[in-house]
């Protein structure tokens, strides 16, 4: 097992990509702290995973939440080997609709919380010579018209990753990031339905957005994450890897 006996925090893991990562990590021998906003969903996951999982419910917009999350993990498992900053507020906004309140909440959840979590977990990560995996987005590079605040926050997260990798490298704490493309999570499915797409919309995604014919799944992201939270990726740090179906830079889709 590739993650045997590792204790891993996965934020935003009561559903979607975070849940898929948590479940995959446990199959690889890890113990996982499940985090999210939905107690019922989290309790169901912990019931499935048994002694390999513990649950902590918290809103990461609260600046006190990161320390409580770290404390819950050390109480449950006695150590922290990896922190996966997966939780994010994927909020629709443009220049006109990005209010101060919306912007501040987006930055608090998507950038400040990962920063505070890394700081809170740092003493444990030093002991374990552990790692941080930040889950970003290809929107960090420029973003979409209706994802202004979210895209800015993911750009900030990418800078945080590279800065802290440089700062913490000599302490044997690694920091890397996965920038995700379009992933068919349950929340993404519901969101697109709410925007007017039909129930079978994932079967009819234009090739320009999914050359393979289908959007990536949370399970595919989880499979990739195993390498980055495990010992196999040592000593790599400061990497930002795009998990997408086409080049982010220099992309030239076929004109039809």
Protein backbone atom coordinates (compact mmCIF):
# COMPACT_ATOMS: atom_id res chain seq x y z
CA UNK A 1 0.00 0.00 0.00
CA UNK A 2 1.42 3.33 -1.12
CA UNK A 3 0.21 5.41 1.85
CA UNK A 4 0.52 2.89 4.67
CA UNK A 5 0.02 4.44 8.15
CA UNK A 6 0.01 8.03 6.90
CA UNK A 7 -2.41 10.47 8.55
CA UNK A 8 -3.88 12.88 6.01
CA UNK A 9 -6.22 15.86 6.26
CA UNK A 10 -8.46 16.33 3.22
CA UNK A 11 -10.54 19.48 3.38
CA UNK A 12 -13.83 19.52 1.52
CA UNK A 13 -14.04 15.74 1.60
CA UNK A 14 -17.70 15.12 2.39
CA UNK A 15 -18.44 15.10 -1.34
CA UNK A 16 -16.93 15.21 -4.82
CA UNK A 17 -13.19 15.27 -5.47
CA UNK A 18 -12.32 15.45 -1.79
CA UNK A 19 -14.42 12.41 -0.98
CA UNK A 20 -12.85 10.47 -3.85
CA UNK A 21 -9.37 11.33 -2.58
CA UNK A 22 -10.21 10.37 0.99
CA UNK A 23 -11.60 7.01 -0.07
CA UNK A 24 -8.64 6.29 -2.37
CA UNK A 25 -6.13 7.25 0.33
CA UNK A 26 -7.73 4.81 2.77
CA UNK A 27 -7.53 1.99 0.22
CA UNK A 28 -3.81 2.80 0.00
CA UNK A 29 -3.38 2.38 3.77
CA UNK A 30 -3.85 5.92 5.07
CA UNK A 31 -5.98 7.32 7.86
CA UNK A 32 -7.97 10.36 6.82
CA UNK A 33 -9.60 13.31 8.53
CA UNK A 34 -12.85 13.98 6.67
CA UNK A 35 -13.84 17.64 6.63
CA UNK A 36 -16.78 19.54 5.20
CA UNK A 37 -19.97 21.41 5.97
CA UNK A 38 -22.44 18.50 5.77
CA UNK A 39 -22.52 16.36 8.94
CA UNK A 40 -24.79 13.68 7.49
CA UNK A 41 -22.60 13.14 4.43
CA UNK A 42 -19.45 13.08 6.54
CA UNK A 43 -20.90 10.60 9.03
CA UNK A 44 -21.86 8.26 6.19
CA UNK A 45 -18.33 8.34 4.78
CA UNK A 46 -16.75 7.70 8.18
CA UNK A 47 -19.12 4.79 8.71
CA UNK A 48 -17.95 3.31 5.41
CA UNK A 49 -14.26 3.85 6.17
CA UNK A 50 -14.37 2.72 9.80
CA UNK A 51 -11.37 3.28 12.06
CA UNK A 52 -9.37 4.72 9.17
CA UNK A 53 -11.39 7.95 9.23
CA UNK A 54 -12.51 10.69 11.59
CA UNK A 55 -14.83 13.63 10.95
CA UNK A 56 -14.59 17.36 11.67
CA UNK A 57 -17.26 19.81 10.51
CA UNK A 58 -16.13 23.42 10.09
CA UNK A 59 -16.61 26.49 7.92
CA UNK A 60 -13.14 27.48 6.72
CA UNK A 61 -14.28 31.09 6.38
CA UNK A 62 -13.83 31.19 10.17
CA UNK A 63 -10.15 32.04 10.83
CA UNK A 64 -10.22 29.87 13.96
CA UNK A 65 -11.33 26.77 12.02
CA UNK A 66 -7.91 25.68 10.68
CA UNK A 67 -6.37 25.24 14.12
CA UNK A 68 -9.39 23.29 15.33
CA UNK A 69 -9.16 21.05 12.27
CA UNK A 70 -5.49 20.33 12.91
CA UNK A 71 -6.17 19.67 16.59
CA UNK A 72 -8.96 17.22 15.68
CA UNK A 73 -6.54 15.33 13.43
CA UNK A 74 -3.82 15.00 16.04
CA UNK A 75 -6.38 13.83 18.61
CA UNK A 76 -7.68 11.20 16.20
CA UNK A 77 -4.39 9.95 14.75
CA UNK A 78 -1.55 11.37 16.83
CA UNK A 79 0.25 12.80 13.81
CA UNK A 80 -0.12 14.54 10.44
CA UNK A 81 1.78 13.36 7.36
CA UNK A 82 -0.03 15.30 4.67
CA UNK A 83 -2.49 18.14 4.25
CA UNK A 84 -4.66 18.33 1.14
CA UNK A 85 -6.20 21.78 0.71
CA UNK A 86 -9.11 20.79 -1.49
CA UNK A 87 -12.04 22.80 -0.10
CA UNK A 88 -13.02 25.79 -2.22
CA UNK A 89 -15.92 28.12 -2.83
CA UNK A 90 -16.62 27.90 -6.57
CA UNK A 91 -18.69 31.03 -6.86
CA UNK A 92 -20.00 32.63 -10.03
CA UNK A 93 -19.13 36.33 -10.33
CA UNK A 94 -17.95 38.94 -12.81
CA UNK A 95 -16.63 42.49 -12.50
CA UNK A 96 -20.08 43.90 -11.77
CA UNK A 97 -21.25 41.19 -9.35
CA UNK A 98 -18.06 40.71 -7.33
CA UNK A 99 -19.07 42.61 -4.21
CA UNK A 100 -16.59 43.27 -1.39
CA UNK A 101 -18.38 40.68 0.73
CA UNK A 102 -18.27 38.01 -1.99
CA UNK A 103 -14.61 38.70 -2.76
CA UNK A 104 -13.58 38.58 0.90
CA UNK A 105 -15.40 35.29 1.54
CA UNK A 106 -13.91 33.72 -1.60
CA UNK A 107 -10.38 34.71 -0.61
CA UNK A 108 -10.96 33.62 2.99
CA UNK A 109 -11.97 30.09 1.99
CA UNK A 110 -9.80 29.58 -1.08
CA UNK A 111 -6.54 31.29 -0.04
CA UNK A 112 -6.49 32.32 3.62
CA UNK A 113 -7.73 28.98 4.95
CA UNK A 114 -5.00 26.95 3.16
CA UNK A 115 -2.41 29.40 4.47
CA UNK A 116 -3.69 29.11 8.05
CA UNK A 117 -4.01 25.33 7.79
CA UNK A 118 -0.40 24.95 6.66
CA UNK A 119 0.75 27.16 9.50
CA UNK A 120 -1.33 25.24 12.05
CA UNK A 121 -0.08 21.87 10.79
CA UNK A 122 3.55 22.90 10.29
CA UNK A 123 4.97 21.51 13.53
CA UNK A 124 3.45 18.11 12.75
CA UNK A 125 4.61 18.23 9.13
CA UNK A 126 8.15 19.02 10.28
CA UNK A 127 8.13 15.95 12.52
CA UNK A 128 6.86 13.65 9.77
CA UNK A 129 8.78 15.34 6.95
CA UNK A 130 5.36 15.56 5.40
CA UNK A 131 3.78 17.45 2.56
CA UNK A 132 1.03 19.77 1.43
CA UNK A 133 -0.99 19.24 -1.74
CA UNK A 134 -3.02 22.24 -2.82
CA UNK A 135 -5.88 21.61 -5.23
CA UNK A 136 -6.04 24.50 -7.66
CA UNK A 137 -7.59 25.16 -11.03
CA UNK A 138 -6.51 25.96 -14.57
CA UNK A 139 -8.58 29.09 -14.02
CA UNK A 140 -5.59 30.39 -12.06
CA UNK A 141 -4.03 31.47 -15.35
CA UNK A 142 -6.82 33.81 -16.43
CA UNK A 143 -10.17 32.25 -15.62
CA UNK A 144 -13.61 32.53 -17.17
CA UNK A 145 -15.81 35.59 -17.50
CA UNK A 146 -18.19 34.40 -14.79
CA UNK A 147 -15.49 33.14 -12.41
CA UNK A 148 -13.62 36.33 -11.59
CA UNK A 149 -13.23 36.11 -7.81
CA UNK A 150 -12.69 32.35 -7.92
CA UNK A 151 -10.00 32.67 -10.60
CA UNK A 152 -8.18 35.38 -8.65
CA UNK A 153 -8.22 33.16 -5.57
CA UNK A 154 -6.73 30.23 -7.48
CA UNK A 155 -3.97 32.48 -8.81
CA UNK A 156 -3.23 33.42 -5.22
CA UNK A 157 -3.15 29.78 -4.17
CA UNK A 158 -0.62 29.00 -6.90
CA UNK A 159 1.69 31.75 -5.65
CA UNK A 160 1.23 30.50 -2.09
CA UNK A 161 2.29 27.01 -3.21
CA UNK A 162 5.49 28.18 -4.84
CA UNK A 163 6.38 30.64 -2.10
CA UNK A 164 5.96 28.15 0.74
CA UNK A 165 7.74 25.42 -1.17
CA UNK A 166 10.75 27.72 -1.34
CA UNK A 167 10.39 28.77 2.30
CA UNK A 168 9.88 25.28 3.77
CA UNK A 169 12.12 23.15 1.55
CA UNK A 170 15.05 23.08 3.95
CA UNK A 171 12.69 21.94 6.69
CA UNK A 172 11.83 18.87 4.57
CA UNK A 173 8.21 20.00 4.16
CA UNK A 174 7.09 19.77 0.53
CA UNK A 175 4.35 21.88 -1.08
CA UNK A 176 2.90 21.02 -4.50
CA UNK A 177 -0.27 21.83 -6.41
CA UNK A 178 -2.62 20.19 -8.90
CA UNK A 179 -4.44 22.60 -11.20
CA UNK A 180 -7.58 20.83 -12.29
CA UNK A 181 -9.53 21.20 -15.48
CA UNK A 182 -13.22 20.36 -15.82
CA UNK A 183 -14.21 17.57 -13.42
CA UNK A 184 -17.63 15.91 -13.28
CA UNK A 185 -18.29 16.11 -9.56
CA UNK A 186 -21.82 15.85 -8.14
CA UNK A 187 -21.81 19.58 -7.42
CA UNK A 188 -20.70 20.42 -10.96
CA UNK A 189 -23.47 18.24 -12.36
CA UNK A 190 -26.10 20.03 -10.24
CA UNK A 191 -24.66 23.43 -11.07
CA UNK A 192 -24.92 22.87 -14.80
CA UNK A 193 -28.45 21.52 -14.43
CA UNK A 194 -29.30 24.71 -12.57
CA UNK A 195 -27.88 26.72 -15.47
CA UNK A 196 -30.33 25.03 -17.84
CA UNK A 197 -28.47 22.06 -19.28
CA UNK A 198 -30.39 18.77 -19.76
CA UNK A 199 -29.96 15.79 -17.44
CA UNK A 200 -27.70 14.00 -19.94
CA UNK A 201 -25.42 16.98 -20.53
CA UNK A 202 -22.22 15.07 -19.56
CA UNK A 203 -22.81 12.81 -22.58
CA UNK A 204 -22.78 15.74 -24.99
CA UNK A 205 -19.79 17.87 -23.97
CA UNK A 206 -18.18 19.55 -27.00
CA UNK A 207 -14.84 18.07 -28.04
CA UNK A 208 -13.21 21.47 -27.50
CA UNK A 209 -13.76 20.99 -23.76
CA UNK A 210 -13.27 17.22 -23.53
CA UNK A 211 -11.26 15.78 -26.44
CA UNK A 212 -11.53 12.30 -24.93
CA UNK A 213 -15.31 12.46 -25.16
CA UNK A 214 -15.92 12.75 -21.43
CA UNK A 215 -15.06 15.04 -18.55
CA UNK A 216 -12.57 13.85 -15.96
CA UNK A 217 -13.94 12.06 -12.89
CA UNK A 218 -13.14 12.68 -9.21
CA UNK A 219 -11.69 9.16 -9.07
CA UNK A 220 -9.16 10.02 -11.78
CA UNK A 221 -8.03 13.05 -9.79
CA UNK A 222 -7.78 10.91 -6.65
CA UNK A 223 -5.56 8.39 -8.41
CA UNK A 224 -3.13 11.16 -9.36
CA UNK A 225 -3.17 12.65 -5.86
CA UNK A 226 -1.86 9.43 -4.29
CA UNK A 227 1.57 10.01 -5.84
CA UNK A 228 1.80 13.56 -4.53
CA UNK A 229 0.89 12.81 -0.89
CA UNK A 230 3.09 9.71 -0.75
CA UNK A 231 6.81 9.07 -0.47
CA UNK A 232 7.15 8.33 -4.19
CA UNK A 233 7.11 12.03 -5.03
CA UNK A 234 9.96 12.94 -2.66
CA UNK A 235 11.89 15.24 -2.86
CA UNK A 236 9.79 17.12 -5.46
CA UNK A 237 8.41 20.42 -4.19
CA UNK A 238 7.12 23.62 -5.76
CA UNK A 239 5.53 21.82 -8.71
CA UNK A 240 2.25 22.99 -10.20
CA UNK A 241 0.83 20.29 -12.44
CA UNK A 242 -2.13 20.74 -14.77
CA UNK A 243 -4.55 17.82 -14.82
CA UNK A 244 -6.40 18.60 -18.01
CA UNK A 245 -7.08 17.02 -21.40
CA UNK A 246 -5.31 19.64 -23.49
CA UNK A 247 -2.42 22.10 -23.13
CA UNK A 248 -3.29 25.10 -21.00
CA UNK A 249 -0.66 27.21 -22.77
CA UNK A 250 -0.60 27.09 -26.56
CA UNK A 251 -3.91 25.31 -26.89
CA UNK A 252 -5.28 25.44 -30.43
CA UNK A 253 -8.53 23.50 -30.71
CA UNK A 254 -9.62 22.32 -34.14
CA UNK A 255 -11.97 24.80 -35.78
CA UNK A 256 -15.19 23.15 -36.87
